[in-house]
N, C-alpha and C. Protein backbone atom coordinates (compact mmCIF):
# COMPACT_ATOMS: atom_id res chain seq x y z
N MET A 1 -21.91 89.17 -39.43
CA MET A 1 -20.75 88.41 -39.02
C MET A 1 -19.51 89.19 -39.47
N ASN A 2 -18.55 89.27 -38.62
CA ASN A 2 -17.38 90.08 -38.94
C ASN A 2 -16.30 89.24 -39.61
N LYS A 3 -15.30 89.94 -40.10
CA LYS A 3 -14.22 89.27 -40.83
C LYS A 3 -13.39 88.37 -39.92
N LYS A 4 -13.30 88.74 -38.65
CA LYS A 4 -12.51 87.94 -37.72
C LYS A 4 -13.12 86.54 -37.56
N MET A 5 -14.43 86.46 -37.45
CA MET A 5 -15.11 85.18 -37.28
C MET A 5 -14.98 84.33 -38.54
N ILE A 6 -15.10 84.94 -39.70
CA ILE A 6 -14.96 84.21 -40.97
C ILE A 6 -13.54 83.68 -41.11
N THR A 7 -12.57 84.49 -40.73
CA THR A 7 -11.17 84.06 -40.80
C THR A 7 -10.93 82.87 -39.88
N ILE A 8 -11.48 82.91 -38.69
CA ILE A 8 -11.32 81.80 -37.74
C ILE A 8 -11.98 80.53 -38.27
N LEU A 9 -13.16 80.65 -38.84
CA LEU A 9 -13.85 79.48 -39.40
C LEU A 9 -13.07 78.88 -40.57
N LEU A 10 -12.56 79.72 -41.45
CA LEU A 10 -11.78 79.21 -42.58
C LEU A 10 -10.48 78.57 -42.12
N LEU A 11 -9.84 79.16 -41.12
CA LEU A 11 -8.61 78.58 -40.57
C LEU A 11 -8.90 77.23 -39.91
N ALA A 12 -9.98 77.13 -39.17
CA ALA A 12 -10.35 75.86 -38.53
C ALA A 12 -10.66 74.80 -39.58
N ALA A 13 -11.37 75.18 -40.63
CA ALA A 13 -11.67 74.22 -41.70
C ALA A 13 -10.39 73.75 -42.39
N SER A 14 -9.44 74.67 -42.59
CA SER A 14 -8.17 74.29 -43.22
C SER A 14 -7.39 73.31 -42.35
N VAL A 15 -7.36 73.55 -41.05
CA VAL A 15 -6.65 72.66 -40.13
C VAL A 15 -7.29 71.27 -40.15
N ILE A 16 -8.60 71.22 -40.14
CA ILE A 16 -9.30 69.93 -40.18
C ILE A 16 -8.98 69.19 -41.47
N LEU A 17 -9.01 69.89 -42.58
CA LEU A 17 -8.74 69.24 -43.87
C LEU A 17 -7.30 68.76 -43.99
N VAL A 18 -6.37 69.47 -43.39
CA VAL A 18 -4.96 69.07 -43.46
C VAL A 18 -4.68 67.91 -42.51
N ALA A 19 -5.26 67.92 -41.33
CA ALA A 19 -4.97 66.90 -40.31
C ALA A 19 -5.73 65.60 -40.54
N ALA A 20 -6.83 65.63 -41.24
CA ALA A 20 -7.65 64.43 -41.41
C ALA A 20 -6.94 63.28 -42.11
N PRO A 21 -6.22 63.48 -43.21
CA PRO A 21 -5.57 62.33 -43.85
C PRO A 21 -4.54 61.65 -42.95
N GLU A 22 -3.87 62.40 -42.08
CA GLU A 22 -2.91 61.79 -41.16
C GLU A 22 -3.59 60.85 -40.19
N SER A 23 -4.74 61.25 -39.66
CA SER A 23 -5.41 60.40 -38.68
C SER A 23 -5.99 59.15 -39.33
N PHE A 24 -6.40 59.22 -40.58
CA PHE A 24 -6.93 58.03 -41.25
C PHE A 24 -5.81 57.10 -41.71
N ALA A 25 -4.62 57.64 -41.93
CA ALA A 25 -3.51 56.78 -42.34
C ALA A 25 -3.10 55.85 -41.22
N THR A 26 -3.16 56.31 -39.98
CA THR A 26 -2.75 55.44 -38.88
C THR A 26 -3.68 54.25 -38.73
N THR A 27 -4.98 54.41 -38.97
CA THR A 27 -5.88 53.26 -38.89
C THR A 27 -5.59 52.28 -40.00
N GLN A 28 -5.19 52.75 -41.17
CA GLN A 28 -4.84 51.87 -42.28
C GLN A 28 -3.60 51.05 -41.91
N TYR A 29 -2.59 51.68 -41.34
CA TYR A 29 -1.37 50.96 -40.96
C TYR A 29 -1.64 49.97 -39.84
N PHE A 30 -2.47 50.36 -38.88
CA PHE A 30 -2.79 49.49 -37.76
C PHE A 30 -3.55 48.25 -38.24
N ALA A 31 -4.48 48.43 -39.18
CA ALA A 31 -5.21 47.29 -39.73
C ALA A 31 -4.28 46.35 -40.49
N ALA A 32 -3.34 46.91 -41.24
CA ALA A 32 -2.38 46.07 -41.97
C ALA A 32 -1.47 45.32 -41.00
N LEU A 33 -1.07 45.96 -39.92
CA LEU A 33 -0.22 45.30 -38.92
C LEU A 33 -0.94 44.11 -38.30
N ASN A 34 -2.21 44.28 -37.95
CA ASN A 34 -2.95 43.18 -37.35
C ASN A 34 -3.32 42.11 -38.35
N THR A 35 -3.36 42.43 -39.62
CA THR A 35 -3.60 41.40 -40.64
C THR A 35 -2.36 40.55 -40.84
N VAL A 36 -1.21 41.17 -40.94
CA VAL A 36 0.03 40.44 -41.20
C VAL A 36 0.55 39.78 -39.93
N TYR A 37 0.59 40.52 -38.83
CA TYR A 37 1.09 40.01 -37.55
C TYR A 37 0.03 40.28 -36.48
N PRO A 38 -0.82 39.30 -36.19
CA PRO A 38 -1.92 39.52 -35.23
C PRO A 38 -1.40 39.89 -33.84
N GLY A 39 -2.21 40.64 -33.13
CA GLY A 39 -1.89 40.98 -31.75
C GLY A 39 -1.06 42.24 -31.60
N GLY A 40 -0.93 43.04 -32.64
CA GLY A 40 -0.15 44.27 -32.55
C GLY A 40 -0.93 45.38 -31.87
N SER A 41 -0.21 46.40 -31.46
CA SER A 41 -0.84 47.57 -30.86
C SER A 41 -0.14 48.82 -31.39
N CYS A 42 -0.63 49.98 -31.00
CA CYS A 42 0.00 51.23 -31.42
C CYS A 42 1.42 51.33 -30.87
N GLY A 43 1.65 50.68 -29.71
CA GLY A 43 2.97 50.69 -29.10
C GLY A 43 4.01 49.90 -29.88
N THR A 44 3.58 49.15 -30.89
CA THR A 44 4.53 48.43 -31.74
C THR A 44 5.38 49.42 -32.52
N CYS A 45 4.78 50.49 -33.01
CA CYS A 45 5.50 51.46 -33.84
C CYS A 45 5.76 52.79 -33.14
N HIS A 46 5.03 53.10 -32.07
CA HIS A 46 5.16 54.40 -31.41
C HIS A 46 5.65 54.22 -29.97
N VAL A 47 6.51 55.15 -29.54
CA VAL A 47 7.02 55.13 -28.18
C VAL A 47 5.88 55.37 -27.20
N ASN A 48 5.09 56.39 -27.46
CA ASN A 48 3.92 56.69 -26.64
C ASN A 48 2.71 56.26 -27.46
N SER A 49 2.07 55.17 -27.06
CA SER A 49 1.02 54.60 -27.90
C SER A 49 -0.28 55.39 -27.87
N SER A 50 -0.38 56.43 -27.05
CA SER A 50 -1.62 57.19 -27.00
C SER A 50 -1.67 58.32 -28.03
N ASN A 51 -0.56 58.63 -28.69
CA ASN A 51 -0.58 59.68 -29.71
C ASN A 51 0.40 59.34 -30.83
N ASP A 52 0.43 60.19 -31.83
CA ASP A 52 1.33 59.99 -32.97
C ASP A 52 2.65 60.68 -32.67
N GLY A 53 3.38 60.14 -31.71
CA GLY A 53 4.64 60.73 -31.29
C GLY A 53 5.83 60.06 -31.94
N PRO A 54 6.97 60.08 -31.26
CA PRO A 54 8.18 59.46 -31.80
C PRO A 54 7.99 57.97 -32.00
N ARG A 55 8.70 57.44 -32.97
CA ARG A 55 8.54 56.03 -33.33
C ARG A 55 9.62 55.16 -32.70
N THR A 56 9.27 53.89 -32.52
CA THR A 56 10.22 52.89 -32.05
C THR A 56 11.13 52.50 -33.21
N PRO A 57 12.19 51.73 -32.97
CA PRO A 57 13.02 51.28 -34.10
C PRO A 57 12.22 50.53 -35.17
N TYR A 58 11.23 49.74 -34.75
CA TYR A 58 10.40 49.04 -35.73
C TYR A 58 9.55 50.03 -36.54
N GLY A 59 9.03 51.06 -35.87
CA GLY A 59 8.25 52.08 -36.56
C GLY A 59 9.09 52.88 -37.54
N LEU A 60 10.35 53.13 -37.18
CA LEU A 60 11.25 53.84 -38.10
C LEU A 60 11.57 52.98 -39.33
N LEU A 61 11.75 51.67 -39.12
CA LEU A 61 11.97 50.78 -40.27
C LEU A 61 10.78 50.81 -41.21
N PHE A 62 9.58 50.77 -40.64
CA PHE A 62 8.36 50.80 -41.46
C PHE A 62 8.25 52.11 -42.21
N GLU A 63 8.55 53.22 -41.54
CA GLU A 63 8.44 54.53 -42.16
C GLU A 63 9.43 54.69 -43.32
N LYS A 64 10.59 54.04 -43.24
CA LYS A 64 11.61 54.16 -44.29
C LYS A 64 11.32 53.29 -45.51
N GLN A 65 10.33 52.40 -45.43
CA GLN A 65 9.97 51.60 -46.59
C GLN A 65 9.31 52.50 -47.62
N THR A 66 9.73 52.38 -48.88
CA THR A 66 9.21 53.28 -49.91
C THR A 66 7.75 53.01 -50.23
N ASN A 67 7.28 51.79 -50.00
CA ASN A 67 5.90 51.45 -50.37
C ASN A 67 4.97 51.41 -49.16
N HIS A 68 5.36 52.00 -48.03
CA HIS A 68 4.52 51.88 -46.83
C HIS A 68 3.21 52.64 -46.96
N THR A 69 3.14 53.67 -47.81
CA THR A 69 1.87 54.37 -47.97
C THR A 69 0.96 53.68 -48.97
N SER A 70 1.51 53.04 -49.97
CA SER A 70 0.68 52.40 -50.99
C SER A 70 0.33 50.96 -50.65
N ASN A 71 1.24 50.21 -50.04
CA ASN A 71 0.99 48.80 -49.71
C ASN A 71 1.63 48.51 -48.35
N ALA A 72 0.89 48.80 -47.31
CA ALA A 72 1.42 48.67 -45.95
C ALA A 72 1.73 47.22 -45.61
N SER A 73 0.93 46.28 -46.09
CA SER A 73 1.16 44.86 -45.78
C SER A 73 2.50 44.38 -46.35
N ALA A 74 2.80 44.78 -47.58
CA ALA A 74 4.08 44.38 -48.19
C ALA A 74 5.26 45.01 -47.45
N ALA A 75 5.10 46.25 -47.02
CA ALA A 75 6.17 46.91 -46.27
C ALA A 75 6.40 46.22 -44.93
N LEU A 76 5.34 45.78 -44.28
CA LEU A 76 5.49 45.07 -43.01
C LEU A 76 6.16 43.72 -43.19
N ARG A 77 5.82 43.01 -44.27
CA ARG A 77 6.47 41.73 -44.55
C ARG A 77 7.95 41.92 -44.87
N ALA A 78 8.28 43.03 -45.52
CA ALA A 78 9.67 43.28 -45.92
C ALA A 78 10.57 43.50 -44.70
N ILE A 79 10.06 44.14 -43.66
CA ILE A 79 10.90 44.40 -42.49
C ILE A 79 10.82 43.28 -41.46
N GLY A 80 9.92 42.34 -41.64
CA GLY A 80 9.83 41.21 -40.72
C GLY A 80 8.90 41.48 -39.55
N ALA A 81 8.79 40.48 -38.70
CA ALA A 81 7.88 40.56 -37.56
C ALA A 81 8.43 41.51 -36.50
N PRO A 82 7.54 42.25 -35.86
CA PRO A 82 8.00 43.11 -34.77
C PRO A 82 8.38 42.27 -33.56
N PRO A 83 9.16 42.83 -32.65
CA PRO A 83 9.58 42.04 -31.49
C PRO A 83 8.41 41.62 -30.61
N THR A 84 7.29 42.32 -30.69
CA THR A 84 6.13 41.99 -29.86
C THR A 84 5.09 41.16 -30.59
N ALA A 85 5.41 40.64 -31.76
CA ALA A 85 4.42 39.93 -32.58
C ALA A 85 4.04 38.60 -31.94
N ASN A 86 2.79 38.24 -32.14
CA ASN A 86 2.27 36.96 -31.68
C ASN A 86 2.23 36.04 -32.88
N LEU A 87 3.29 35.27 -33.08
CA LEU A 87 3.42 34.43 -34.27
C LEU A 87 2.91 33.03 -33.98
N THR A 88 1.60 32.88 -33.89
CA THR A 88 1.03 31.57 -33.64
C THR A 88 0.56 30.90 -34.91
N THR A 89 0.34 31.66 -35.96
CA THR A 89 -0.13 31.08 -37.21
C THR A 89 1.06 30.85 -38.13
N PRO A 90 1.12 29.71 -38.81
CA PRO A 90 2.24 29.47 -39.72
C PRO A 90 2.11 30.32 -40.96
N ALA A 91 3.25 30.67 -41.53
CA ALA A 91 3.26 31.49 -42.73
C ALA A 91 2.92 30.67 -43.96
N VAL A 92 3.27 29.38 -43.96
CA VAL A 92 3.02 28.52 -45.11
C VAL A 92 2.20 27.33 -44.63
N THR A 93 1.14 27.05 -45.36
CA THR A 93 0.29 25.91 -45.03
C THR A 93 0.49 24.85 -46.08
N LEU A 94 0.79 23.64 -45.66
CA LEU A 94 0.98 22.53 -46.59
C LEU A 94 -0.34 21.82 -46.80
N THR A 95 -0.69 21.65 -48.06
CA THR A 95 -1.90 20.91 -48.38
C THR A 95 -1.55 19.85 -49.42
N PRO A 96 -2.06 18.65 -49.26
CA PRO A 96 -1.76 17.62 -50.27
C PRO A 96 -2.52 17.93 -51.55
N ALA A 97 -1.82 17.79 -52.67
CA ALA A 97 -2.44 18.08 -53.95
C ALA A 97 -3.04 16.84 -54.59
N ALA A 98 -2.61 15.67 -54.19
CA ALA A 98 -3.13 14.45 -54.78
C ALA A 98 -3.44 13.45 -53.67
N THR A 99 -4.33 12.53 -53.97
CA THR A 99 -4.67 11.50 -52.99
C THR A 99 -3.77 10.30 -53.21
N LEU A 100 -3.63 9.50 -52.17
CA LEU A 100 -2.80 8.31 -52.26
C LEU A 100 -3.56 7.23 -53.01
N THR A 101 -2.87 6.61 -53.93
CA THR A 101 -3.50 5.52 -54.68
C THR A 101 -2.61 4.29 -54.57
N ALA A 102 -3.21 3.18 -54.30
CA ALA A 102 -2.46 1.93 -54.22
C ALA A 102 -3.17 0.90 -55.10
N THR A 103 -2.43 0.36 -56.03
CA THR A 103 -3.01 -0.66 -56.91
C THR A 103 -2.15 -1.91 -56.79
N PRO A 104 -2.62 -2.89 -56.05
CA PRO A 104 -1.84 -4.12 -55.94
C PRO A 104 -1.96 -4.96 -57.21
N GLU A 105 -0.88 -5.58 -57.55
CA GLU A 105 -0.90 -6.49 -58.69
C GLU A 105 -1.11 -7.91 -58.15
N VAL A 106 -2.14 -8.54 -58.63
CA VAL A 106 -2.49 -9.87 -58.13
C VAL A 106 -2.10 -10.89 -59.19
N THR A 107 -1.34 -11.88 -58.75
CA THR A 107 -0.93 -12.95 -59.66
C THR A 107 -1.40 -14.28 -59.07
N THR A 108 -2.07 -15.04 -59.88
CA THR A 108 -2.53 -16.34 -59.42
C THR A 108 -1.46 -17.36 -59.74
N VAL A 109 -1.09 -18.10 -58.71
CA VAL A 109 -0.03 -19.10 -58.86
C VAL A 109 -0.62 -20.46 -58.48
N THR A 110 -0.45 -21.38 -59.35
CA THR A 110 -0.86 -22.75 -59.02
C THR A 110 0.38 -23.52 -58.64
N GLU A 111 0.26 -24.28 -57.56
CA GLU A 111 1.44 -24.98 -57.05
C GLU A 111 1.65 -26.29 -57.79
N THR A 112 2.86 -26.40 -58.17
CA THR A 112 3.34 -27.68 -58.70
C THR A 112 4.63 -27.96 -57.97
N PRO A 113 5.03 -29.18 -57.83
CA PRO A 113 6.21 -29.46 -57.04
C PRO A 113 7.48 -28.80 -57.57
N GLU A 114 7.58 -28.54 -58.82
CA GLU A 114 8.80 -27.98 -59.38
C GLU A 114 8.78 -26.45 -59.44
N VAL A 115 7.66 -25.82 -59.21
CA VAL A 115 7.54 -24.37 -59.36
C VAL A 115 7.63 -23.70 -57.99
N GLU A 116 8.43 -22.66 -57.94
CA GLU A 116 8.55 -21.90 -56.70
C GLU A 116 7.46 -20.83 -56.66
N THR A 117 7.15 -20.37 -55.46
CA THR A 117 6.13 -19.33 -55.33
C THR A 117 6.75 -17.96 -55.62
N THR A 118 5.97 -17.11 -56.18
CA THR A 118 6.44 -15.74 -56.47
C THR A 118 5.79 -14.77 -55.49
N GLU A 119 6.57 -13.77 -55.13
CA GLU A 119 6.05 -12.76 -54.22
C GLU A 119 5.47 -11.61 -55.02
N VAL A 120 4.43 -11.05 -54.49
CA VAL A 120 3.74 -9.96 -55.15
C VAL A 120 4.13 -8.64 -54.44
N GLU A 121 4.58 -7.66 -55.22
CA GLU A 121 4.93 -6.36 -54.67
C GLU A 121 3.84 -5.36 -55.01
N THR A 122 3.54 -4.52 -54.07
CA THR A 122 2.57 -3.46 -54.34
C THR A 122 3.31 -2.13 -54.38
N THR A 123 2.85 -1.28 -55.25
CA THR A 123 3.48 0.04 -55.36
C THR A 123 2.46 1.10 -54.98
N GLU A 124 2.94 2.13 -54.34
CA GLU A 124 2.09 3.25 -53.97
C GLU A 124 2.67 4.51 -54.57
N ASP A 125 1.82 5.25 -55.25
CA ASP A 125 2.23 6.53 -55.82
C ASP A 125 1.70 7.64 -54.91
N THR A 126 2.60 8.39 -54.31
CA THR A 126 2.19 9.51 -53.47
C THR A 126 2.87 10.77 -53.97
N THR A 127 2.09 11.81 -54.04
CA THR A 127 2.62 13.10 -54.46
C THR A 127 2.11 14.15 -53.49
N VAL A 128 3.02 14.87 -52.86
CA VAL A 128 2.65 15.95 -51.95
C VAL A 128 3.35 17.20 -52.45
N THR A 129 2.56 18.23 -52.69
CA THR A 129 3.14 19.50 -53.13
C THR A 129 2.84 20.56 -52.08
N GLU A 130 3.73 21.51 -51.97
CA GLU A 130 3.54 22.60 -51.02
C GLU A 130 2.93 23.78 -51.76
N THR A 131 1.88 24.32 -51.17
CA THR A 131 1.26 25.51 -51.73
C THR A 131 1.29 26.60 -50.67
N GLU A 132 1.52 27.80 -51.10
CA GLU A 132 1.59 28.92 -50.18
C GLU A 132 0.33 29.75 -50.35
N GLU A 133 -0.36 29.99 -49.24
CA GLU A 133 -1.56 30.80 -49.29
C GLU A 133 -1.16 32.26 -49.16
N GLU A 134 -1.63 33.06 -50.08
CA GLU A 134 -1.31 34.48 -50.04
C GLU A 134 -2.52 35.25 -49.54
N THR A 135 -2.27 36.26 -48.72
CA THR A 135 -3.36 37.09 -48.25
C THR A 135 -3.69 38.11 -49.33
N PRO A 136 -4.96 38.39 -49.53
CA PRO A 136 -5.32 39.37 -50.56
C PRO A 136 -4.83 40.76 -50.17
N ALA A 137 -4.54 41.57 -51.18
CA ALA A 137 -4.07 42.93 -50.94
C ALA A 137 -5.17 43.74 -50.28
N THR A 138 -4.80 44.54 -49.29
CA THR A 138 -5.79 45.35 -48.60
C THR A 138 -6.04 46.62 -49.39
N THR A 139 -7.26 47.05 -49.36
CA THR A 139 -7.61 48.28 -50.05
C THR A 139 -7.70 49.39 -49.02
N THR A 140 -7.47 50.59 -49.47
CA THR A 140 -7.54 51.74 -48.58
C THR A 140 -8.99 52.06 -48.31
N THR A 141 -9.37 52.05 -47.05
CA THR A 141 -10.74 52.37 -46.70
C THR A 141 -10.85 53.86 -46.45
N LYS A 142 -11.91 54.43 -46.95
CA LYS A 142 -12.12 55.86 -46.78
C LYS A 142 -13.07 56.08 -45.61
N SER A 143 -12.95 57.22 -45.00
CA SER A 143 -13.82 57.55 -43.89
C SER A 143 -15.23 57.76 -44.40
N PRO A 144 -16.24 57.13 -43.79
CA PRO A 144 -17.59 57.24 -44.32
C PRO A 144 -18.20 58.61 -44.13
N GLY A 145 -17.81 59.38 -43.12
CA GLY A 145 -18.46 60.65 -42.87
C GLY A 145 -17.64 61.87 -43.22
N PHE A 146 -16.44 61.67 -43.75
CA PHE A 146 -15.57 62.80 -44.00
C PHE A 146 -16.12 63.73 -45.08
N GLY A 147 -16.67 63.20 -46.15
CA GLY A 147 -17.22 64.03 -47.21
C GLY A 147 -18.41 64.85 -46.74
N ILE A 148 -19.21 64.27 -45.85
CA ILE A 148 -20.37 64.99 -45.33
C ILE A 148 -19.91 66.16 -44.47
N VAL A 149 -18.87 65.95 -43.66
CA VAL A 149 -18.36 67.03 -42.80
C VAL A 149 -17.84 68.18 -43.65
N VAL A 150 -17.09 67.87 -44.69
CA VAL A 150 -16.56 68.92 -45.57
C VAL A 150 -17.71 69.66 -46.26
N SER A 151 -18.73 68.92 -46.70
CA SER A 151 -19.88 69.55 -47.35
C SER A 151 -20.62 70.47 -46.39
N MET A 152 -20.81 70.04 -45.16
CA MET A 152 -21.52 70.86 -44.18
C MET A 152 -20.74 72.14 -43.87
N ILE A 153 -19.43 72.03 -43.74
CA ILE A 153 -18.61 73.23 -43.49
C ILE A 153 -18.75 74.20 -44.65
N GLY A 154 -18.72 73.68 -45.87
CA GLY A 154 -18.88 74.54 -47.04
C GLY A 154 -20.25 75.20 -47.10
N LEU A 155 -21.30 74.43 -46.79
CA LEU A 155 -22.66 75.00 -46.81
C LEU A 155 -22.83 76.06 -45.73
N ILE A 156 -22.30 75.82 -44.55
CA ILE A 156 -22.42 76.81 -43.47
C ILE A 156 -21.66 78.08 -43.83
N ALA A 157 -20.45 77.92 -44.38
CA ALA A 157 -19.68 79.10 -44.79
C ALA A 157 -20.41 79.86 -45.88
N TRP A 158 -21.02 79.15 -46.83
CA TRP A 158 -21.76 79.79 -47.92
C TRP A 158 -22.97 80.53 -47.37
N ALA A 159 -23.68 79.91 -46.42
CA ALA A 159 -24.86 80.55 -45.84
C ALA A 159 -24.47 81.80 -45.05
N LEU A 160 -23.38 81.72 -44.30
CA LEU A 160 -22.94 82.88 -43.53
C LEU A 160 -22.49 84.02 -44.43
N LEU A 161 -21.79 83.68 -45.49
CA LEU A 161 -21.36 84.73 -46.43
C LEU A 161 -22.55 85.32 -47.18
N GLY A 162 -23.57 84.51 -47.45
CA GLY A 162 -24.76 85.01 -48.15
C GLY A 162 -25.61 85.92 -47.29
N ARG A 163 -25.64 85.69 -45.99
CA ARG A 163 -26.44 86.50 -45.08
C ARG A 163 -25.73 87.79 -44.67
N ARG A 164 -24.50 87.88 -45.01
CA ARG A 164 -23.70 89.03 -44.62
C ARG A 164 -24.24 90.31 -45.24
N LYS A 165 -24.27 91.38 -44.47
CA LYS A 165 -24.75 92.67 -44.99
C LYS A 165 -23.56 93.45 -45.53
N ASN A 166 -23.69 93.91 -46.73
CA ASN A 166 -22.59 94.68 -47.34
C ASN A 166 -22.78 96.15 -47.16
C-alpha cells in the first residue's frame, strides 16, 4: 500500500471524527424541541430543513443562548415557544392537594312555646394548591455504534500498516 492511500484513509477518518459530533448534536436539539414544544420540525430552526444551513430567527435565538449545548430544554424555555409550536398541552397542571371535608354541627332543640328555633350552620374547609409539574432534565444520548466505527477504522489502519513492506 502506498503513502497516498494511507494519507487518504487518515484524512477520511479525520473528517469523519470531526463531523460526527455536529450531526449528533442536531438530534439532541431536535429531541429537546419536541419534548418542550411538541410538533416541531427541522424547519423550526433552519431555513432549509433538509440540511444544517442558515438558521431562522428562532434558530439564531437558540444558538445565542449560552446553555444551549449543555441544557437544550432550558435554552428553549428561555426563548419561548417558536411561531410554529403546537401548544395544546398546558404548562401548569392544577391538582387539588386536599379533599373537601364537611362536618355539620347538629343541635337538638326541643320546642317549648317560649323558645325560638335555632338555625344550624355548616362549614366547609376547602384547600386547593397549585403545583407545577417539571419535566426531568434530558441526558445527552451517545451514538450506539460510533465507538465501534472508530475502533474498526483504527484496526484496519493498523493491519494495513503492519502488512506494509519496508
